Amino acid sequence: MDQEFVEKKSVGKIIGIVSAIILSIGLIVTLFYYLFFMRITPTKYLEEVSKKTSNYVTDVIDIFSNFKTNHDLKTTKNKGTLKFNSEGSETEFLKDYTIDYNLITSYQEESSRLDLTLKEKDQDFLTSNFYLNKDSLYLKSDLYDKVIRLFKLDNSIFSSKDLVKETYTVNDLKVIIDKYLKYYFEALEEIDMKKEDISLSEVKYIYNLTDKNISRVENKFNELCSKDSKLNKIDTPKLGLTKISIEVTMNRFNKDISKIVITKDNKETNIIKVDKNKYEVNNEDKITIDKNKITYQDYDKETLSNTLEISKTKEEVRLKITTKDINMELSFKKENDTNLRIGLNLYNNSDVKTNIDLEFNDSSTNSKILATVANGSNKFGIEVNNTSSYVDDKVDSIDVTNAISIDDLTDTDTNKILENLFEKVLGSSLEDLIEDNSKV
């Protein structure tokens, strides 16, 4: 009797243990199903894409940190020199000439002045002063004894001064862009979305933007922006949405994307993973995604025709484009806490080369532009060295009381201007050029 009781008790324990195990497994399976099949929805994935996009963009903006736009209505000043670097019989004379310029603009005074001095062998050859007073542009020159009003603008360029009274820092810009992206992806939740479970490990998210939900997305976006204290002060870009369908197939556990199908205007684009970090577009173009670099290679019938490369580090962003005809490289580099350098190199197969180097800090900008065009033995080049700064200076006005409109110039006035110009040309390198061309 006692033995039978013990046996029954043991069996009861076993049943209890087995039941507990079954219940535990059921609970684990239910929890697993919830975590990986129910919780991860198309909306949740869209939120993750939003966060990753925002993080990437703000990381790029961090390179510009500690800089501000200085839109506090200070006077801006640009001063520099334009030189001609030329070789060959047809353009050699240009090496004798340089142009000095000085541009100063004041939003408070609603005026701007540009002084140009053309020099021949370091001697002043021709001087011109352009003066913009609110909505009218005037010219004062060595060639004429009166000030000429060139034209009147329909709207003054200074009419927007109330929009730039605030000083925006890079952090302000980060906040604005972050919110723009946040509201953009929130608005996209208005589109048609669904999920398809392909297998235990694979899932497909489908996003359809249609004529019916485009207006809902745009209205939602505009509503979110209008309620934001920062975005409602600026003109946010229009979304410009069109009908499109996107299908994303991925591993539900590690979010590893295996395939993306984009359908637009009845044209289907397939992006398929072929290796660890490599994808193919329609079995032709290639995309490589590394930790700090994205490369897109465009193929035309198995021949590489174009390459786009974007690389990013903590201190630098670099964009490189290579085509059959043009090579371009653009870089933004944070050199230290106060200096930012922007570089652009551009050249093509016709010996046209351009190099732009800009260096920024909180108070000024130094820039250098080199452009060269070669044609046989002749080379024509331009070099510009410029310094931009914010100053407390005022714009030196030009007396326009007795200015004459360009439309009111008589033939006598025009002839006098031409006569003064020819007097300038006589004895200069330009005279030799004119004589040589007249013999042709």
Protein backbone atom coordinates (compact mmCIF):
# COMPACT_ATOMS: atom_id res chain seq x y z
CA MET A 1 0.00 0.00 0.00
CA ASP A 2 2.74 2.35 0.98
CA GLN A 3 4.71 1.33 -2.08
CA GLU A 4 1.70 2.01 -4.35
CA PHE A 5 1.25 5.43 -2.74
CA VAL A 6 4.91 6.23 -3.29
CA GLU A 7 4.68 5.18 -6.93
CA LYS A 8 1.58 7.32 -7.50
CA LYS A 9 3.28 10.24 -5.77
CA SER A 10 6.34 9.84 -7.97
CA VAL A 11 4.20 9.67 -11.09
CA GLY A 12 2.42 12.82 -9.94
CA LYS A 13 5.71 14.62 -9.50
CA ILE A 14 6.83 13.54 -12.95
CA ILE A 15 3.57 14.71 -14.48
CA GLY A 16 3.88 17.99 -12.63
CA ILE A 17 7.46 18.47 -13.79
CA VAL A 18 6.57 17.58 -17.39
CA SER A 19 3.58 19.92 -17.25
CA ALA A 20 5.76 22.71 -15.91
CA ILE A 21 8.29 22.09 -18.67
CA ILE A 22 5.55 22.10 -21.31
CA LEU A 23 4.09 25.29 -19.90
CA SER A 24 7.54 26.87 -19.77
CA ILE A 25 8.24 25.87 -23.35
CA GLY A 26 4.83 27.21 -24.35
CA LEU A 27 5.55 30.47 -22.55
CA ILE A 28 8.98 30.72 -24.20
CA VAL A 29 7.52 29.97 -27.64
CA THR A 30 4.76 32.53 -27.05
CA LEU A 31 7.29 35.11 -25.89
CA PHE A 32 9.57 34.24 -28.83
CA TYR A 33 6.66 34.55 -31.25
CA TYR A 34 5.69 37.91 -29.76
CA LEU A 35 9.24 39.26 -29.80
CA PHE A 36 10.17 38.20 -33.31
CA PHE A 37 6.89 37.76 -35.14
CA MET A 38 4.50 40.28 -33.60
CA ARG A 39 6.60 43.05 -32.07
CA ILE A 40 8.74 43.64 -35.19
CA THR A 41 6.22 45.27 -37.51
CA PRO A 42 6.62 47.33 -40.70
CA THR A 43 6.08 50.46 -38.59
CA LYS A 44 8.77 49.45 -36.09
CA TYR A 45 11.21 48.78 -38.90
CA LEU A 46 10.41 52.18 -40.40
CA GLU A 47 11.23 53.74 -37.03
CA GLU A 48 14.59 51.95 -36.98
CA VAL A 49 15.40 53.21 -40.48
CA SER A 50 14.46 56.71 -39.32
CA LYS A 51 16.84 56.54 -36.35
CA LYS A 52 19.72 55.17 -38.44
CA THR A 53 19.21 57.83 -41.12
CA SER A 54 19.07 60.59 -38.54
CA ASN A 55 22.19 59.31 -36.76
CA TYR A 56 24.13 59.15 -40.04
CA VAL A 57 23.14 62.68 -41.07
CA THR A 58 23.86 64.20 -37.64
CA ASP A 59 27.26 62.45 -37.60
CA VAL A 60 28.06 64.21 -40.86
CA ILE A 61 26.86 67.56 -39.48
CA ASP A 62 29.12 67.10 -36.45
CA ILE A 63 32.07 67.75 -38.77
CA PHE A 64 30.79 71.32 -39.05
CA SER A 65 30.41 71.74 -35.28
CA ASN A 66 31.51 74.96 -33.55
CA PHE A 67 30.59 76.98 -36.64
CA LYS A 68 27.70 79.40 -36.96
CA THR A 69 26.09 81.13 -39.87
CA ASN A 70 26.68 84.59 -38.38
CA HIS A 71 23.36 85.76 -39.82
CA ASP A 72 23.15 88.47 -37.20
CA LEU A 73 23.07 91.28 -39.74
CA LYS A 74 26.75 92.12 -39.48
CA THR A 75 28.42 93.63 -42.50
CA THR A 76 30.04 91.04 -44.77
CA LYS A 77 33.24 91.76 -46.64
CA ASN A 78 34.88 89.86 -49.51
CA LYS A 79 38.29 90.91 -50.71
CA GLY A 80 40.55 89.20 -53.20
CA THR A 81 42.48 88.99 -56.43
CA LEU A 82 41.81 87.26 -59.73
CA LYS A 83 44.89 86.28 -61.74
CA PHE A 84 45.27 84.82 -65.21
CA ASN A 85 47.76 81.97 -65.62
CA SER A 86 48.21 81.43 -69.33
CA GLU A 87 50.62 79.76 -71.72
CA GLY A 88 50.72 79.88 -75.52
CA SER A 89 50.75 82.60 -78.15
CA GLU A 90 47.01 83.28 -78.07
CA THR A 91 46.60 83.84 -74.33
CA GLU A 92 50.11 84.81 -73.15
CA PHE A 93 49.17 88.51 -72.87
CA LEU A 94 46.66 87.75 -70.08
CA LYS A 95 49.50 87.08 -67.64
CA ASP A 96 50.03 90.86 -67.49
CA TYR A 97 46.57 91.41 -65.99
CA THR A 98 45.01 90.94 -62.55
CA ILE A 99 41.72 92.07 -61.05
CA ASP A 100 41.50 93.26 -57.45
CA TYR A 101 38.02 93.33 -55.96
CA ASN A 102 36.40 94.41 -52.73
CA LEU A 103 32.75 93.61 -51.99
CA ILE A 104 31.06 94.86 -48.84
CA THR A 105 27.38 94.31 -47.99
CA SER A 106 25.29 95.63 -45.11
CA TYR A 107 21.76 94.39 -44.46
CA GLN A 108 21.21 97.11 -41.90
CA GLU A 109 22.02 99.86 -44.41
CA GLU A 110 20.37 97.92 -47.26
CA SER A 111 23.34 98.63 -49.49
CA SER A 112 26.28 96.92 -51.13
CA ARG A 113 29.36 98.08 -53.00
CA LEU A 114 31.74 96.25 -55.33
CA ASP A 115 35.03 97.92 -56.28
CA LEU A 116 36.91 96.42 -59.24
CA THR A 117 40.41 97.42 -60.32
CA LEU A 118 41.91 95.95 -63.47
CA LYS A 119 45.70 96.08 -63.27
CA GLU A 120 48.28 95.75 -66.02
CA LYS A 121 51.73 94.76 -64.75
CA ASP A 122 50.73 95.83 -61.22
CA GLN A 123 49.61 99.29 -62.41
CA ASP A 124 45.99 100.44 -62.23
CA PHE A 125 44.47 100.17 -65.69
CA LEU A 126 40.71 100.56 -65.19
CA THR A 127 38.59 101.15 -62.08
CA SER A 128 34.85 100.54 -61.72
CA ASN A 129 32.56 100.86 -58.70
CA PHE A 130 29.19 99.15 -58.53
CA TYR A 131 26.81 100.44 -55.85
CA LEU A 132 23.54 98.75 -54.91
CA ASN A 133 21.26 101.00 -52.87
CA LYS A 134 18.12 99.13 -51.80
CA ASP A 135 16.68 98.24 -55.20
CA SER A 136 18.82 100.23 -57.68
CA LEU A 137 22.25 99.35 -59.09
CA TYR A 138 24.68 102.13 -60.09
CA LEU A 139 28.03 102.22 -61.89
CA LYS A 140 30.86 104.70 -61.47
CA SER A 141 33.81 104.25 -63.81
CA ASP A 142 36.95 105.86 -65.25
CA LEU A 143 35.27 105.71 -68.63
CA TYR A 144 32.52 108.25 -67.90
CA ASP A 145 32.23 111.33 -65.73
CA LYS A 146 28.69 110.58 -64.52
CA VAL A 147 27.21 107.84 -62.39
CA ILE A 148 25.03 105.47 -64.45
CA ARG A 149 21.98 103.72 -63.07
CA LEU A 150 22.11 100.30 -64.68
CA PHE A 151 18.72 98.95 -63.60
CA LYS A 152 16.15 98.81 -60.84
CA LEU A 153 15.20 95.53 -59.16
CA ASP A 154 11.57 94.52 -58.79
CA ASN A 155 12.33 93.34 -55.24
CA SER A 156 15.20 94.44 -53.04
CA ILE A 157 17.64 91.68 -52.11
CA PHE A 158 17.50 93.12 -48.59
CA SER A 159 13.75 92.54 -48.22
CA SER A 160 14.46 89.20 -46.50
CA LYS A 161 16.59 90.74 -43.74
CA ASP A 162 13.93 90.00 -41.12
CA LEU A 163 14.36 86.30 -41.87
CA VAL A 164 18.04 86.21 -40.95
CA LYS A 165 18.14 88.11 -37.68
CA GLU A 166 18.78 84.95 -35.67
CA THR A 167 22.21 83.40 -35.40
CA TYR A 168 22.02 79.68 -36.15
CA THR A 169 24.65 77.33 -34.80
CA VAL A 170 25.47 73.91 -36.20
CA ASN A 171 23.66 72.37 -33.25
CA ASP A 172 20.54 74.31 -34.27
CA LEU A 173 20.92 72.87 -37.75
CA LYS A 174 21.27 69.37 -36.31
CA VAL A 175 18.04 69.79 -34.36
CA ILE A 176 16.18 71.11 -37.41
CA ILE A 177 17.33 68.28 -39.70
CA ASP A 178 16.75 65.65 -37.02
CA LYS A 179 13.18 66.86 -36.53
CA TYR A 180 12.61 67.09 -40.28
CA LEU A 181 13.63 63.45 -40.71
CA LYS A 182 11.64 62.39 -37.64
CA TYR A 183 8.44 64.00 -38.92
CA TYR A 184 9.09 62.70 -42.42
CA PHE A 185 9.22 59.09 -41.25
CA GLU A 186 6.29 59.63 -38.86
CA ALA A 187 4.25 60.91 -41.80
CA LEU A 188 5.21 57.86 -43.83
CA GLU A 189 3.32 55.74 -41.32
CA GLU A 190 0.21 56.91 -43.18
CA ILE A 191 1.11 54.76 -46.20
CA ASP A 192 -0.17 51.22 -46.74
CA MET A 193 2.08 48.70 -44.95
CA LYS A 194 1.97 44.98 -44.40
CA LYS A 195 4.17 42.09 -43.33
CA GLU A 196 4.60 38.63 -44.85
CA ASP A 197 6.23 35.81 -42.88
CA ILE A 198 8.25 33.89 -45.44
CA SER A 199 9.86 31.42 -43.06
CA LEU A 200 10.87 31.06 -39.44
CA SER A 201 13.89 33.29 -40.03
CA GLU A 202 12.79 35.41 -43.00
CA VAL A 203 10.21 38.20 -43.20
CA LYS A 204 9.10 40.66 -45.87
CA TYR A 205 7.90 44.23 -45.24
CA ILE A 206 5.85 45.88 -47.98
CA TYR A 207 5.33 49.66 -48.24
CA ASN A 208 2.97 51.12 -50.84
CA LEU A 209 2.71 54.82 -51.55
CA THR A 210 -0.43 55.40 -53.63
CA ASP A 211 -2.49 58.28 -54.96
CA LYS A 212 -4.90 57.74 -52.06
CA ASN A 213 -2.36 58.03 -49.23
CA ILE A 214 0.08 60.61 -50.65
CA SER A 215 -2.13 63.47 -49.48
CA ARG A 216 -2.42 61.88 -46.02
CA VAL A 217 1.37 61.71 -45.75
CA GLU A 218 1.85 65.30 -46.87
CA ASN A 219 -0.89 66.61 -44.55
CA LYS A 220 0.56 64.71 -41.60
CA PHE A 221 4.04 66.06 -42.32
CA ASN A 222 2.82 69.65 -42.65
CA GLU A 223 0.81 69.31 -39.45
CA LEU A 224 3.83 68.05 -37.47
CA CYS A 225 6.07 70.82 -38.83
CA SER A 226 3.52 73.55 -38.14
CA LYS A 227 3.29 72.52 -34.48
CA ASP A 228 7.07 72.54 -34.02
CA SER A 229 8.51 75.77 -32.57
CA LYS A 230 11.65 75.61 -34.77
CA LEU A 231 10.32 74.24 -38.05
CA ASN A 232 7.30 76.54 -38.20
CA LYS A 233 9.69 79.52 -38.54
CA ILE A 234 11.31 78.27 -41.74
CA ASP A 235 10.11 77.16 -45.16
CA THR A 236 10.36 73.38 -44.99
CA PRO A 237 11.00 71.62 -48.33
CA LYS A 238 8.06 70.01 -50.08
CA LEU A 239 8.03 66.22 -49.98
CA GLY A 240 7.27 65.80 -53.68
CA LEU A 241 6.00 62.24 -53.24
CA THR A 242 5.06 59.94 -56.12
CA LYS A 243 3.57 56.46 -56.35
CA ILE A 244 6.04 53.76 -55.39
CA SER A 245 6.13 50.27 -53.87
CA ILE A 246 9.04 48.95 -51.79
CA GLU A 247 9.45 45.37 -50.59
CA VAL A 248 12.21 44.59 -48.08
CA THR A 249 13.10 40.96 -47.36
CA MET A 250 15.34 40.33 -44.35
CA ASN A 251 16.39 38.00 -41.58
CA ARG A 252 14.05 38.74 -38.71
CA PHE A 253 16.73 38.06 -36.09
CA ASN A 254 19.74 40.09 -37.25
CA LYS A 255 17.89 42.44 -39.69
CA ASP A 256 20.23 41.39 -42.49
CA ILE A 257 18.58 42.46 -45.77
CA SER A 258 18.65 39.88 -48.53
CA LYS A 259 16.49 41.57 -51.16
CA ILE A 260 14.81 44.89 -51.96
CA VAL A 261 12.29 45.30 -54.76
CA ILE A 262 11.32 48.83 -55.83
CA THR A 263 8.45 49.33 -58.27
CA LYS A 264 7.86 52.75 -59.79
CA ASP A 265 6.12 53.72 -63.04
CA ASN A 266 5.60 50.00 -63.74
CA LYS A 267 9.36 49.49 -63.68
CA GLU A 268 10.82 47.02 -61.19
CA THR A 269 14.28 47.35 -59.66
CA ASN A 270 15.72 44.35 -57.82
CA ILE A 271 18.53 44.77 -55.29
CA ILE A 272 19.84 41.36 -54.21
CA LYS A 273 22.53 40.52 -51.69
CA VAL A 274 25.34 38.47 -53.28
CA ASP A 275 27.97 38.57 -50.52
CA LYS A 276 28.53 39.77 -46.96
CA ASN A 277 28.41 43.47 -47.82
CA LYS A 278 27.79 43.40 -51.57
CA TYR A 279 24.58 43.83 -53.53
CA GLU A 280 23.64 43.71 -57.22
CA VAL A 281 21.03 45.91 -58.89
CA ASN A 282 19.10 44.09 -61.62
CA ASN A 283 22.01 41.62 -61.89
CA GLU A 284 24.22 44.37 -63.31
CA ASP A 285 25.10 47.39 -61.13
CA LYS A 286 26.98 46.76 -57.89
CA ILE A 287 26.69 48.26 -54.40
CA THR A 288 29.31 47.75 -51.68
CA ILE A 289 28.53 48.85 -48.12
CA ASP A 290 31.49 49.02 -45.74
CA LYS A 291 31.58 50.48 -42.25
CA ASN A 292 32.61 53.97 -43.39
CA LYS A 293 32.13 53.82 -47.14
CA ILE A 294 29.38 53.18 -49.69
CA THR A 295 30.31 52.49 -53.32
CA TYR A 296 27.90 52.32 -56.27
CA GLN A 297 29.21 51.01 -59.60
CA ASP A 298 27.09 51.57 -62.69
CA TYR A 299 27.59 49.05 -65.47
CA ASP A 300 26.57 49.28 -69.11
CA LYS A 301 26.56 45.84 -70.73
CA GLU A 302 29.16 44.51 -68.29
CA THR A 303 31.37 47.59 -68.78
CA LEU A 304 31.89 49.90 -65.80
CA SER A 305 30.73 53.38 -66.81
CA ASN A 306 30.17 55.35 -63.59
CA THR A 307 31.27 55.08 -59.97
CA LEU A 308 29.89 56.92 -56.95
CA GLU A 309 31.74 56.65 -53.64
CA ILE A 310 30.76 58.21 -50.30
CA SER A 311 33.12 57.80 -47.35
CA LYS A 312 32.84 59.16 -43.83
CA THR A 313 35.06 59.34 -40.78
CA LYS A 314 34.64 61.31 -37.58
CA GLU A 315 36.56 64.24 -39.08
CA GLU A 316 35.85 64.06 -42.82
CA VAL A 317 33.21 63.35 -45.45
CA ARG A 318 34.35 62.61 -49.00
CA LEU A 319 32.34 62.25 -52.22
CA LYS A 320 33.98 60.85 -55.33
CA ILE A 321 32.36 60.53 -58.76
CA THR A 322 34.06 58.91 -61.73
CA THR A 323 32.50 58.75 -65.20
CA LYS A 324 33.79 58.17 -68.71
CA ASP A 325 34.37 61.90 -69.15
CA ILE A 326 34.57 63.51 -65.70
CA ASN A 327 36.31 62.83 -62.40
CA MET A 328 35.20 64.78 -59.33
CA GLU A 329 36.18 64.62 -55.68
CA LEU A 330 34.53 66.76 -52.99
CA SER A 331 35.66 66.72 -49.36
CA PHE A 332 34.63 68.34 -46.07
CA LYS A 333 37.25 68.07 -43.35
CA LYS A 334 37.21 69.33 -39.79
CA GLU A 335 40.85 70.23 -39.14
CA ASN A 336 40.36 71.37 -35.53
CA ASP A 337 37.76 72.98 -33.30
CA THR A 338 37.77 76.25 -35.24
CA ASN A 339 38.77 75.36 -38.81
CA LEU A 340 36.86 73.58 -41.55
CA ARG A 341 38.30 72.89 -45.02
CA ILE A 342 36.28 72.18 -48.16
CA GLY A 343 38.06 70.88 -51.23
CA LEU A 344 36.87 70.24 -54.78
CA ASN A 345 38.90 68.66 -57.58
CA LEU A 346 37.30 68.38 -60.99
CA TYR A 347 38.82 67.35 -64.31
CA ASN A 348 37.79 65.67 -67.55
CA ASN A 349 39.39 64.04 -70.55
CA SER A 350 39.59 67.37 -72.40
CA ASP A 351 42.22 68.78 -70.02
CA VAL A 352 39.77 70.98 -68.16
CA LYS A 353 40.83 71.05 -64.51
CA THR A 354 39.35 72.89 -61.53
CA ASN A 355 40.53 72.98 -57.95
CA ILE A 356 38.67 74.81 -55.18
CA ASP A 357 40.00 75.06 -51.64
CA LEU A 358 37.96 76.78 -48.91
CA GLU A 359 39.01 77.23 -45.29
CA PHE A 360 36.43 78.40 -42.74
CA ASN A 361 36.60 79.57 -39.17
CA ASP A 362 34.18 81.45 -36.93
CA SER A 363 35.09 84.92 -38.20
CA SER A 364 36.41 84.54 -41.75
CA THR A 365 36.74 82.32 -44.79
CA ASN A 366 39.82 81.95 -46.97
CA SER A 367 39.29 80.46 -50.40
CA LYS A 368 41.40 79.62 -53.41
CA ILE A 369 40.08 78.61 -56.83
CA LEU A 370 42.24 77.28 -59.66
CA ALA A 371 40.77 76.52 -63.08
CA THR A 372 42.76 75.45 -66.14
CA VAL A 373 41.69 74.77 -69.72
CA ALA A 374 44.17 73.31 -72.21
CA ASN A 375 43.84 73.33 -75.99
CA GLY A 376 46.92 72.04 -77.75
CA SER A 377 49.89 74.23 -76.83
CA ASN A 378 47.63 76.90 -75.33
CA LYS A 379 46.66 76.83 -71.67
CA PHE A 380 44.29 79.26 -70.03
CA GLY A 381 44.04 79.39 -66.25
CA ILE A 382 42.26 81.46 -63.63
CA GLU A 383 43.34 81.75 -60.00
CA VAL A 384 41.13 83.45 -57.40
CA ASN A 385 42.24 84.14 -53.83
CA ASN A 386 39.48 85.44 -51.58
CA THR A 387 38.98 86.33 -47.92
CA SER A 388 35.45 86.66 -46.50
CA SER A 389 34.82 88.14 -43.08
CA TYR A 390 32.26 89.80 -40.84
CA VAL A 391 33.14 93.38 -39.98
CA ASP A 392 31.68 96.45 -38.30
CA ASP A 393 32.50 98.69 -41.28
CA LYS A 394 29.92 100.72 -43.14
CA VAL A 395 29.39 100.72 -46.88
CA ASP A 396 30.98 103.75 -48.56
CA SER A 397 28.11 105.21 -50.52
CA ILE A 398 28.36 106.78 -53.97
CA ASP A 399 26.65 110.10 -54.67
CA VAL A 400 23.84 109.18 -57.05
CA THR A 401 22.03 112.55 -56.96
CA ASN A 402 22.84 113.33 -60.61
CA ALA A 403 22.92 109.73 -61.84
CA ILE A 404 21.76 109.09 -65.39
CA SER A 405 19.78 106.02 -66.45
CA ILE A 406 21.52 103.74 -68.93
CA ASP A 407 18.40 103.98 -71.09
CA ASP A 408 18.88 107.74 -71.34
CA LEU A 409 22.46 107.62 -72.65
CA THR A 410 22.77 109.39 -76.00
CA ASP A 411 24.99 108.43 -78.93
CA THR A 412 27.34 111.20 -77.82
CA ASP A 413 27.58 109.65 -74.35
CA THR A 414 28.25 106.21 -75.80
CA ASN A 415 30.92 107.52 -78.16
CA LYS A 416 32.62 109.32 -75.27
CA ILE A 417 32.75 106.09 -73.26
CA LEU A 418 34.27 104.21 -76.23
CA GLU A 419 36.76 107.02 -76.81
CA ASN A 420 37.93 106.83 -73.18
CA LEU A 421 38.22 103.06 -73.46
CA PHE A 422 40.42 103.26 -76.58
CA GLU A 423 42.67 105.74 -74.81
CA LYS A 424 43.14 103.19 -72.07
CA VAL A 425 43.93 100.45 -74.58
CA LEU A 426 46.57 102.44 -76.48
CA GLY A 427 50.04 101.38 -75.44
CA SER A 428 48.80 98.33 -73.54
CA SER A 429 49.06 94.62 -74.28
CA LEU A 430 45.47 94.78 -75.49
CA GLU A 431 46.49 97.10 -78.34
CA ASP A 432 48.88 94.48 -79.70
CA LEU A 433 46.16 91.84 -79.47
CA ILE A 434 43.66 94.03 -81.35
CA GLU A 435 46.20 94.76 -84.09
CA ASP A 436 47.05 91.08 -84.48
CA ASN A 437 43.40 90.12 -84.79
CA SER A 438 42.72 92.89 -87.31
CA LYS A 439 45.34 91.39 -89.63
CA VAL A 440 43.64 88.00 -89.66
